[in-house]
Structures are given as structure tokens and as C-alpha cells.
Amino acid sequence: MHYTIRLPAALLLLVSALFAAPRAEIIEQVLVKVNGEIFTKTDLEARQVSALRSLGQQIDPAKKPSDAELRKMLADVTPQLIVSIVDEMLMIQRGKELGYTLSDEQFKTIVENIKKENKIESEEAFQAALKQENMTMVELRRSLERQTLLSQVTRNEIAAKLTVTEEETRRYYEAHVKEFTTPPAVTLREVLIAVPDKAAPEVDAAAREKTEAIRARALAGEGFEKLAAEVSEAPSRANGGLIGPLSLDDLAPQVRQVIEPLKDGEVTSVLRTSSGYQLLKREASTTREIAPFEKVRDLVSERVYDEKQGAESRKYLDRLRSQALIEWKNPDLKKAYDAGLEKVNTEPAVPLAQ
């Protein structure tokens, strides 16, 4: 359980600017009530910033996003974010109805695990880490309690009621046998004699002649790895020309046409590429293999279970939503919620985290 998520500094400043407001406007604005529980503008902004932090990890810090790009990022994440917020509120409310709690002992254990995972050796260092994340111990407990309730509801209300039969497992395996198939693969070695763009005919001819001579040396028994290390002008030279292993299914058709007929140890004729003249040696290969059902039974069973849990999670949340009193105080947010819900319902069902 790791809480340190860093946002590139430039992006963080933009986020702060986006949500900045005059001090006089710091009055809680209720956006939605879910069974009487309020969710405010401040709450939403905190969740939006968190979502943008996650996106920020995927952004090159050297490429400073513009204010318009940041707003687009925000518009993209907000609809499904609002759906997840409402669903989370409903799940936590259900957990409280069922009497689930986070005990003092559980909280203490989780905190100790956080310290251990983050190599925090003293209470002072832990408090400093919380301060750096702008979080108090009370806020940490509240966050962990929410996670615990979500996990308990998912585990006891959904996961515990699921079973996977042998028949279902075999049926999935037969329908998805390609997922348990290892494609044929080859390991190659190459020698490249580079030819500059728009090279004079005599330069091109000399490069071809040099490559033909190298091939003759290889066919005469000279080690291809040694030749590659000595004369190749490709980056693979550092590894004795080694390339791969490569899936035959992923090779370009023209390359596969040349490689597939070869036996291990054989060398191609001289090939012309965009970079120059090339020789390829088929170093080693593997055949297409289908993993037997008995070997992958547990993996297949997990996939069937995940599919069933995803479908049941969707039904469970649909039921909670249908029984809930959701009062929207902001029409724009309601539109975003409807758009997010439509998208969620058209995507493959995803299991809730346990």
C-alpha cells in the first residue's frame, strides 16, 4: 500500500491554478446527495487533482501541458470519476449497514505495513511523510476505513457468492485456446553493411560485394557471431548480431518469407534493406505450442472467476443505484455522471478490487 504519487511540478502548478478561488468563495458547495450523504465541490476537486496526478505520471515532464490541455484532461476523467465516486459512496454506505468497521488493531497493523513497505523507521519520519502528502493521521484512518469497507463489501457481498465449475473452466479454455498458445519463435543473428542514402552506384556495389564476401566466410565455417562483432555496422554488433527471440507471427511478411524456410544454423542470401545489405542467420527456433488444459487450469479458472465477478459487480452496483436516492445539485455534474455511466455500461465489466 503505497501513498506517494508525484505529479510533475509544472503540471501541479497548472492544477493548482485551475482550482484556485478567492478566499471569500470558500463556502462548501454541495454537488450531490447520495442517500442523504453530501459530496461537495471541495471533495470533487480533491479527487480530480488525484486523478490528474495519476495521469501526470504518464506525462513527459519536459513537455509542459497547456491550460487548455489540462482542462481537456480534466473533462476526460471527470465523467467516470463521478460514477466511481457515487458507486463508492453507495458501497461504503452498504458496508456500514452491514456493520463493517476498521478496528484499532487493524488500523495499527496497516500503518505498520505502510511504514515497512516505505522503509520508514520512526514515528517522526512517518509524520513527516504524512505532512508531505498533506494528510493527517485522522485523514489516513478515514481513507483506510473507506478502503476496508469497500473491500469487505466486495468480498462478502459479491466474491463469496461466486463459484467456478470445471465445465465452465474447460469451456473458457476451448473458446480462448489462442491465449494459451505460444507462437513459433526464432532467434537470429545479423550482419549489416550500411549504405548511405543516395549512395553512388559504385558505393552500393562495393557494399554488396563486401556482404557477399562475409557470407562466403560464414558458409566456409567462420563463426557468424565473430563476424558480426567484427564487421557488422548494426547496433546488434555489441551482442554478436543477436536479435530475438522474435515471434514468427509478428515478423513482417517479407521477412518471415525469408526466415521461415531456413533451418537452424542456416544463413540467408544477401538481403537489401533500407539501411544497406544484410545477412541473417537463423540461430535457434521454437515451434508453436498449446499449453495443455491441466497445466493452465488455475489460470483459466482465475479468468473465468474475474469475468463472473465483473458481471456480478455490475449487477450489484446497478441494484444499489436503483435503490438509492441520488439528489443532484449541479445539472452539469448530472450530465457528466450520465455520460460516465453510459460509458461504464458499454465497456467490459471489471471486477471490483477486493
Protein backbone atom coordinates (compact mmCIF):
# COMPACT_ATOMS: atom_id res chain seq x y z
CA MET A 1 0.00 0.00 0.00
CA HIS A 2 2.00 2.94 -1.29
CA TYR A 3 0.72 6.50 -0.96
CA THR A 4 3.49 8.53 -2.58
CA ILE A 5 2.33 9.74 -6.00
CA ARG A 6 4.29 12.55 -7.57
CA LEU A 7 2.92 14.99 -10.12
CA PRO A 8 5.44 16.78 -12.37
CA ALA A 9 5.98 20.22 -10.92
CA ALA A 10 4.77 22.11 -13.99
CA LEU A 11 1.55 20.14 -14.10
CA LEU A 12 0.96 20.53 -10.39
CA LEU A 13 1.17 24.31 -10.71
CA LEU A 14 -1.38 24.22 -13.51
CA VAL A 15 -3.72 22.07 -11.44
CA SER A 16 -3.43 24.48 -8.55
CA ALA A 17 -4.16 27.41 -10.83
CA LEU A 18 -7.15 25.64 -12.32
CA PHE A 19 -8.79 25.14 -8.95
CA ALA A 20 -7.70 28.40 -7.37
CA ALA A 21 -10.54 30.53 -5.99
CA PRO A 22 -10.75 33.76 -3.96
CA ARG A 23 -10.76 33.15 -0.20
CA ALA A 24 -14.21 34.75 0.04
CA GLU A 25 -15.67 31.89 -2.01
CA ILE A 26 -14.57 29.13 0.37
CA ILE A 27 -18.11 28.06 1.24
CA GLU A 28 -18.94 24.37 0.84
CA GLN A 29 -20.99 23.84 -2.30
CA VAL A 30 -22.95 20.59 -2.23
CA LEU A 31 -22.89 18.91 -5.65
CA VAL A 32 -24.85 15.75 -4.90
CA LYS A 33 -26.55 13.94 -2.04
CA VAL A 34 -26.43 10.16 -2.05
CA ASN A 35 -28.97 8.76 0.43
CA GLY A 36 -28.56 11.99 2.37
CA GLU A 37 -24.75 11.91 2.40
CA ILE A 38 -23.28 15.01 0.76
CA PHE A 39 -20.45 15.27 -1.72
CA THR A 40 -19.03 18.75 -2.11
CA LYS A 41 -17.14 20.79 -4.67
CA THR A 42 -14.06 20.61 -2.46
CA ASP A 43 -14.34 16.81 -2.36
CA LEU A 44 -14.63 16.65 -6.13
CA GLU A 45 -11.66 18.93 -6.70
CA ALA A 46 -9.52 16.77 -4.42
CA ARG A 47 -10.49 13.66 -6.38
CA GLN A 48 -9.89 15.41 -9.69
CA VAL A 49 -6.43 16.50 -8.60
CA SER A 50 -5.69 12.93 -7.54
CA ALA A 51 -6.83 11.64 -10.94
CA LEU A 52 -4.67 14.21 -12.69
CA ARG A 53 -1.72 13.17 -10.56
CA SER A 54 -2.12 9.64 -11.89
CA LEU A 55 -2.23 10.99 -15.42
CA GLY A 56 0.75 13.18 -14.64
CA GLN A 57 2.88 10.09 -14.12
CA GLN A 58 2.37 9.33 -17.82
CA ILE A 59 3.36 12.80 -19.00
CA ASP A 60 6.85 13.76 -20.05
CA PRO A 61 7.90 16.45 -17.54
CA ALA A 62 9.78 18.20 -20.35
CA LYS A 63 6.51 18.71 -22.25
CA LYS A 64 4.61 21.26 -20.23
CA PRO A 65 0.85 20.83 -20.89
CA SER A 66 -1.06 23.99 -21.66
CA ASP A 67 -4.01 25.17 -19.62
CA ALA A 68 -6.31 24.03 -22.45
CA GLU A 69 -4.71 20.56 -22.46
CA LEU A 70 -5.11 20.31 -18.70
CA ARG A 71 -8.77 21.26 -18.95
CA LYS A 72 -9.27 18.58 -21.61
CA MET A 73 -7.62 16.01 -19.36
CA LEU A 74 -9.99 17.07 -16.61
CA ALA A 75 -13.03 16.84 -18.88
CA ASP A 76 -11.95 13.36 -19.97
CA VAL A 77 -11.53 11.91 -16.49
CA THR A 78 -14.45 13.60 -14.71
CA PRO A 79 -17.48 11.63 -16.05
CA GLN A 80 -16.25 8.19 -15.00
CA LEU A 81 -14.68 9.69 -11.88
CA ILE A 82 -18.11 10.91 -10.76
CA VAL A 83 -19.60 7.46 -11.39
CA SER A 84 -16.87 5.84 -9.30
CA ILE A 85 -17.44 8.41 -6.52
CA VAL A 86 -21.17 7.69 -6.33
CA ASP A 87 -20.59 3.93 -6.52
CA GLU A 88 -18.01 4.18 -3.75
CA MET A 89 -20.42 6.12 -1.55
CA LEU A 90 -23.12 3.50 -2.10
CA MET A 91 -20.73 0.63 -1.34
CA ILE A 92 -19.45 2.27 1.84
CA GLN A 93 -22.99 3.02 2.99
CA ARG A 94 -23.83 -0.63 2.42
CA GLY A 95 -20.76 -1.66 4.39
CA LYS A 96 -21.84 0.45 7.34
CA GLU A 97 -25.35 -1.05 7.15
CA LEU A 98 -23.74 -4.47 7.42
CA GLY A 99 -21.72 -3.39 10.43
CA TYR A 100 -18.28 -3.47 8.84
CA THR A 101 -15.61 -1.36 10.53
CA LEU A 102 -11.86 -0.82 10.70
CA SER A 103 -10.77 -1.78 14.20
CA ASP A 104 -7.97 -0.02 16.07
CA GLU A 105 -5.88 -3.18 15.80
CA GLN A 106 -6.45 -3.44 12.04
CA PHE A 107 -5.55 0.23 11.59
CA LYS A 108 -2.36 -0.22 13.59
CA THR A 109 -1.36 -3.25 11.52
CA ILE A 110 -1.95 -1.44 8.23
CA VAL A 111 0.04 1.59 9.38
CA GLU A 112 2.94 -0.66 10.38
CA ASN A 113 2.82 -2.31 6.95
CA ILE A 114 2.87 1.11 5.27
CA LYS A 115 5.94 2.05 7.29
CA LYS A 116 7.65 -1.22 6.42
CA GLU A 117 6.87 -1.03 2.68
CA ASN A 118 8.10 2.57 2.52
CA LYS A 119 11.13 1.87 4.75
CA ILE A 120 10.01 4.43 7.36
CA GLU A 121 11.84 3.61 10.57
CA SER A 122 10.50 6.14 13.07
CA GLU A 123 7.23 7.77 14.05
CA GLU A 124 8.77 11.18 13.34
CA ALA A 125 9.61 10.13 9.79
CA PHE A 126 6.10 8.76 9.33
CA GLN A 127 4.52 12.02 10.49
CA ALA A 128 6.83 13.92 8.14
CA ALA A 129 5.74 11.68 5.25
CA LEU A 130 2.07 12.31 6.07
CA LYS A 131 2.73 16.06 6.18
CA GLN A 132 4.46 15.89 2.81
CA GLU A 133 1.30 14.28 1.40
CA ASN A 134 -0.86 16.97 3.09
CA MET A 135 -2.54 14.25 5.15
CA THR A 136 -3.24 13.93 8.88
CA MET A 137 -3.49 10.68 10.81
CA VAL A 138 -7.26 11.21 11.04
CA GLU A 139 -7.49 11.58 7.27
CA LEU A 140 -5.32 8.50 6.77
CA ARG A 141 -7.60 6.45 9.00
CA ARG A 142 -10.66 7.71 7.17
CA SER A 143 -9.11 6.73 3.84
CA LEU A 144 -8.11 3.28 5.11
CA GLU A 145 -11.56 2.75 6.61
CA ARG A 146 -13.19 3.51 3.28
CA GLN A 147 -10.86 1.07 1.54
CA THR A 148 -11.58 -1.58 4.17
CA LEU A 149 -15.34 -1.22 3.83
CA LEU A 150 -15.14 -1.36 0.04
CA SER A 151 -13.02 -4.49 0.26
CA GLN A 152 -15.30 -6.19 2.77
CA VAL A 153 -18.45 -5.46 0.79
CA THR A 154 -16.87 -6.70 -2.42
CA ARG A 155 -15.55 -9.84 -0.78
CA ASN A 156 -18.65 -10.78 1.22
CA GLU A 157 -21.49 -9.45 -0.94
CA ILE A 158 -20.11 -10.40 -4.36
CA ALA A 159 -16.99 -12.57 -4.40
CA ALA A 160 -18.06 -15.03 -1.69
CA LYS A 161 -21.17 -15.95 -3.67
CA LEU A 162 -19.30 -16.90 -6.83
CA THR A 163 -18.20 -20.37 -7.88
CA VAL A 164 -16.37 -21.63 -10.94
CA THR A 165 -17.08 -25.13 -12.17
CA GLU A 166 -14.77 -27.44 -14.07
CA GLU A 167 -17.14 -27.31 -17.02
CA GLU A 168 -17.01 -23.52 -17.14
CA THR A 169 -13.22 -23.62 -16.95
CA ARG A 170 -12.91 -26.12 -19.80
CA ARG A 171 -15.41 -24.19 -21.93
CA TYR A 172 -13.41 -20.97 -21.49
CA TYR A 173 -10.16 -22.77 -22.33
CA GLU A 174 -11.59 -24.20 -25.55
CA ALA A 175 -13.03 -20.83 -26.60
CA HIS A 176 -9.78 -18.95 -25.87
CA VAL A 177 -7.17 -21.54 -26.72
CA LYS A 178 -5.10 -18.91 -28.59
CA GLU A 179 -4.48 -17.16 -25.27
CA PHE A 180 -2.71 -20.29 -24.04
CA THR A 181 -0.70 -20.86 -27.18
CA THR A 182 2.95 -19.90 -27.52
CA PRO A 183 3.61 -18.84 -31.15
CA PRO A 184 6.62 -20.14 -33.05
CA ALA A 185 9.69 -18.02 -32.42
CA VAL A 186 13.14 -17.56 -33.91
CA THR A 187 16.38 -16.15 -32.63
CA LEU A 188 18.51 -14.51 -35.32
CA ARG A 189 21.93 -13.04 -35.78
CA GLU A 190 22.58 -10.28 -38.29
CA VAL A 191 25.38 -8.64 -40.15
CA LEU A 192 24.66 -5.27 -41.70
CA ILE A 193 26.86 -3.36 -44.10
CA ALA A 194 25.38 0.13 -44.18
CA VAL A 195 24.83 2.07 -47.37
CA PRO A 196 24.25 5.85 -47.12
CA ASP A 197 21.10 7.33 -48.62
CA LYS A 198 21.51 8.26 -52.28
CA ALA A 199 24.87 6.49 -52.41
CA ALA A 200 26.68 6.39 -55.72
CA PRO A 201 26.26 3.11 -57.66
CA GLU A 202 29.88 2.14 -57.08
CA VAL A 203 29.46 2.61 -53.28
CA ASP A 204 26.36 0.44 -53.33
CA ALA A 205 28.10 -2.23 -55.38
CA ALA A 206 31.10 -2.26 -53.07
CA ALA A 207 28.85 -2.74 -50.04
CA ARG A 208 27.10 -5.66 -51.71
CA GLU A 209 30.41 -7.25 -52.68
CA LYS A 210 31.65 -6.88 -49.10
CA THR A 211 28.49 -8.55 -47.77
CA GLU A 212 28.81 -11.41 -50.25
CA ALA A 213 32.39 -11.96 -49.06
CA ILE A 214 31.23 -12.06 -45.43
CA ARG A 215 28.58 -14.62 -46.35
CA ALA A 216 31.22 -16.76 -48.05
CA ARG A 217 33.30 -16.69 -44.87
CA ALA A 218 30.27 -17.75 -42.82
CA LEU A 219 29.47 -20.61 -45.21
CA ALA A 220 33.11 -21.70 -45.02
CA GLY A 221 32.68 -22.22 -41.29
CA GLU A 222 33.74 -18.94 -39.74
CA GLY A 223 31.66 -18.10 -36.68
CA PHE A 224 28.75 -15.80 -37.53
CA GLU A 225 28.81 -14.25 -34.05
CA LYS A 226 32.50 -13.41 -34.51
CA LEU A 227 31.86 -11.94 -37.97
CA ALA A 228 29.01 -9.79 -36.66
CA ALA A 229 31.17 -8.46 -33.82
CA GLU A 230 33.99 -7.63 -36.23
CA VAL A 231 32.32 -6.20 -39.33
CA SER A 232 28.62 -5.51 -38.76
CA GLU A 233 27.50 -1.90 -38.70
CA ALA A 234 24.22 -2.59 -36.86
CA PRO A 235 23.69 -1.79 -33.14
CA SER A 236 23.35 -5.55 -32.55
CA ARG A 237 27.08 -5.83 -33.22
CA ALA A 238 27.65 -5.39 -29.48
CA ASN A 239 25.82 -8.70 -28.91
CA GLY A 240 27.39 -10.56 -31.76
CA GLY A 241 24.49 -9.64 -34.03
CA LEU A 242 21.92 -11.29 -31.75
CA ILE A 243 18.25 -10.45 -32.36
CA GLY A 244 15.35 -12.04 -30.56
CA PRO A 245 13.78 -14.33 -29.82
CA LEU A 246 11.07 -12.99 -32.14
CA SER A 247 7.59 -14.36 -32.71
CA LEU A 248 7.22 -15.51 -36.29
CA ASP A 249 3.65 -14.23 -36.18
CA ASP A 250 4.96 -10.71 -35.51
CA LEU A 251 7.50 -10.61 -38.32
CA ALA A 252 6.79 -8.60 -41.46
CA PRO A 253 5.56 -10.95 -44.21
CA GLN A 254 8.61 -10.34 -46.40
CA VAL A 255 10.98 -11.12 -43.52
CA ARG A 256 9.04 -14.22 -42.49
CA GLN A 257 9.11 -15.44 -46.08
CA VAL A 258 12.91 -15.35 -45.98
CA ILE A 259 13.39 -16.77 -42.47
CA GLU A 260 10.75 -19.49 -42.23
CA PRO A 261 12.19 -21.88 -44.86
CA LEU A 262 15.64 -21.84 -43.21
CA LYS A 263 16.85 -24.50 -40.81
CA ASP A 264 18.57 -23.52 -37.58
CA GLY A 265 22.17 -22.61 -38.37
CA GLU A 266 21.50 -21.58 -41.99
CA VAL A 267 22.28 -18.12 -43.39
CA THR A 268 20.19 -16.12 -45.84
CA SER A 269 21.41 -14.84 -49.14
CA VAL A 270 22.41 -11.17 -49.20
CA LEU A 271 19.33 -9.02 -48.49
CA ARG A 272 18.86 -5.38 -49.48
CA THR A 273 17.22 -3.26 -46.78
CA SER A 274 16.62 0.45 -46.41
CA SER A 275 19.82 0.63 -44.33
CA GLY A 276 22.10 -1.35 -46.58
CA TYR A 277 22.97 -5.01 -47.18
CA GLN A 278 22.13 -7.60 -44.56
CA LEU A 279 22.76 -11.24 -43.73
CA LEU A 280 20.60 -13.14 -41.28
CA LYS A 281 21.42 -16.41 -39.58
CA ARG A 282 18.64 -18.49 -38.06
CA GLU A 283 20.30 -19.18 -34.73
CA ALA A 284 17.53 -21.11 -32.97
CA SER A 285 13.78 -21.63 -33.09
CA THR A 286 10.80 -22.95 -31.20
CA THR A 287 7.56 -24.42 -32.55
CA ARG A 288 4.00 -23.34 -31.80
CA GLU A 289 2.94 -24.90 -28.52
CA ILE A 290 -0.51 -25.14 -26.96
CA ALA A 291 -0.38 -25.36 -23.18
CA PRO A 292 -2.41 -28.38 -22.05
CA PHE A 293 -5.52 -27.65 -20.03
CA GLU A 294 -4.16 -29.38 -16.94
CA LYS A 295 -1.15 -27.06 -16.90
CA VAL A 296 -3.16 -23.82 -17.09
CA ARG A 297 -6.29 -24.90 -15.23
CA ASP A 298 -5.71 -22.47 -12.33
CA LEU A 299 -5.02 -19.54 -14.65
CA VAL A 300 -8.13 -20.29 -16.72
CA SER A 301 -10.20 -20.61 -13.56
CA GLU A 302 -8.99 -17.18 -12.39
CA ARG A 303 -10.03 -15.61 -15.69
CA VAL A 304 -13.47 -17.21 -15.54
CA TYR A 305 -13.79 -16.00 -11.95
CA ASP A 306 -12.77 -12.45 -12.90
CA GLU A 307 -15.34 -12.39 -15.72
CA LYS A 308 -18.09 -13.59 -13.41
CA GLN A 309 -17.08 -11.16 -10.68
CA GLY A 310 -17.07 -8.29 -13.17
CA ALA A 311 -20.58 -9.18 -14.33
CA GLU A 312 -21.86 -9.62 -10.76
CA SER A 313 -20.20 -6.37 -9.65
CA ARG A 314 -22.06 -4.53 -12.38
CA LYS A 315 -25.38 -6.08 -11.34
CA TYR A 316 -24.70 -5.29 -7.68
CA LEU A 317 -23.92 -1.65 -8.39
CA ASP A 318 -26.92 -1.34 -10.69
CA ARG A 319 -29.09 -2.58 -7.83
CA LEU A 320 -27.57 -0.17 -5.32
CA ARG A 321 -28.07 2.73 -7.74
CA SER A 322 -31.69 1.78 -8.41
CA GLN A 323 -32.45 1.67 -4.68
CA ALA A 324 -30.60 4.90 -3.85
CA LEU A 325 -31.91 8.43 -3.51
CA ILE A 326 -29.46 10.50 -5.55
CA GLU A 327 -30.15 14.24 -5.50
CA TRP A 328 -28.11 16.28 -7.96
CA LYS A 329 -27.50 19.91 -7.03
CA ASN A 330 -25.48 20.68 -10.14
CA PRO A 331 -27.05 19.93 -13.57
CA ASP A 332 -23.69 19.90 -15.38
CA LEU A 333 -22.37 17.29 -12.99
CA LYS A 334 -25.52 15.22 -13.51
CA LYS A 335 -24.88 15.29 -17.27
CA ALA A 336 -21.28 14.21 -16.70
CA TYR A 337 -22.50 11.38 -14.44
CA ASP A 338 -24.96 10.16 -17.08
CA ALA A 339 -22.23 10.25 -19.74
CA GLY A 340 -19.85 8.37 -17.47
CA LEU A 341 -22.47 5.78 -16.59
CA GLU A 342 -23.23 5.21 -20.27
CA LYS A 343 -19.55 4.65 -20.97
CA VAL A 344 -19.14 2.31 -18.00
CA ASN A 345 -22.07 0.21 -19.18
CA THR A 346 -20.71 -0.14 -22.72
CA GLU A 347 -17.25 -1.29 -21.62
CA PRO A 348 -16.33 -4.81 -20.47
CA ALA A 349 -17.31 -5.40 -16.85
CA VAL A 350 -14.35 -5.06 -14.49
CA PRO A 351 -14.15 -6.86 -11.13
CA LEU A 352 -14.18 -4.62 -8.06
CA ALA A 353 -10.95 -4.69 -6.07
CA GLN A 354 -11.04 -6.93 -3.00
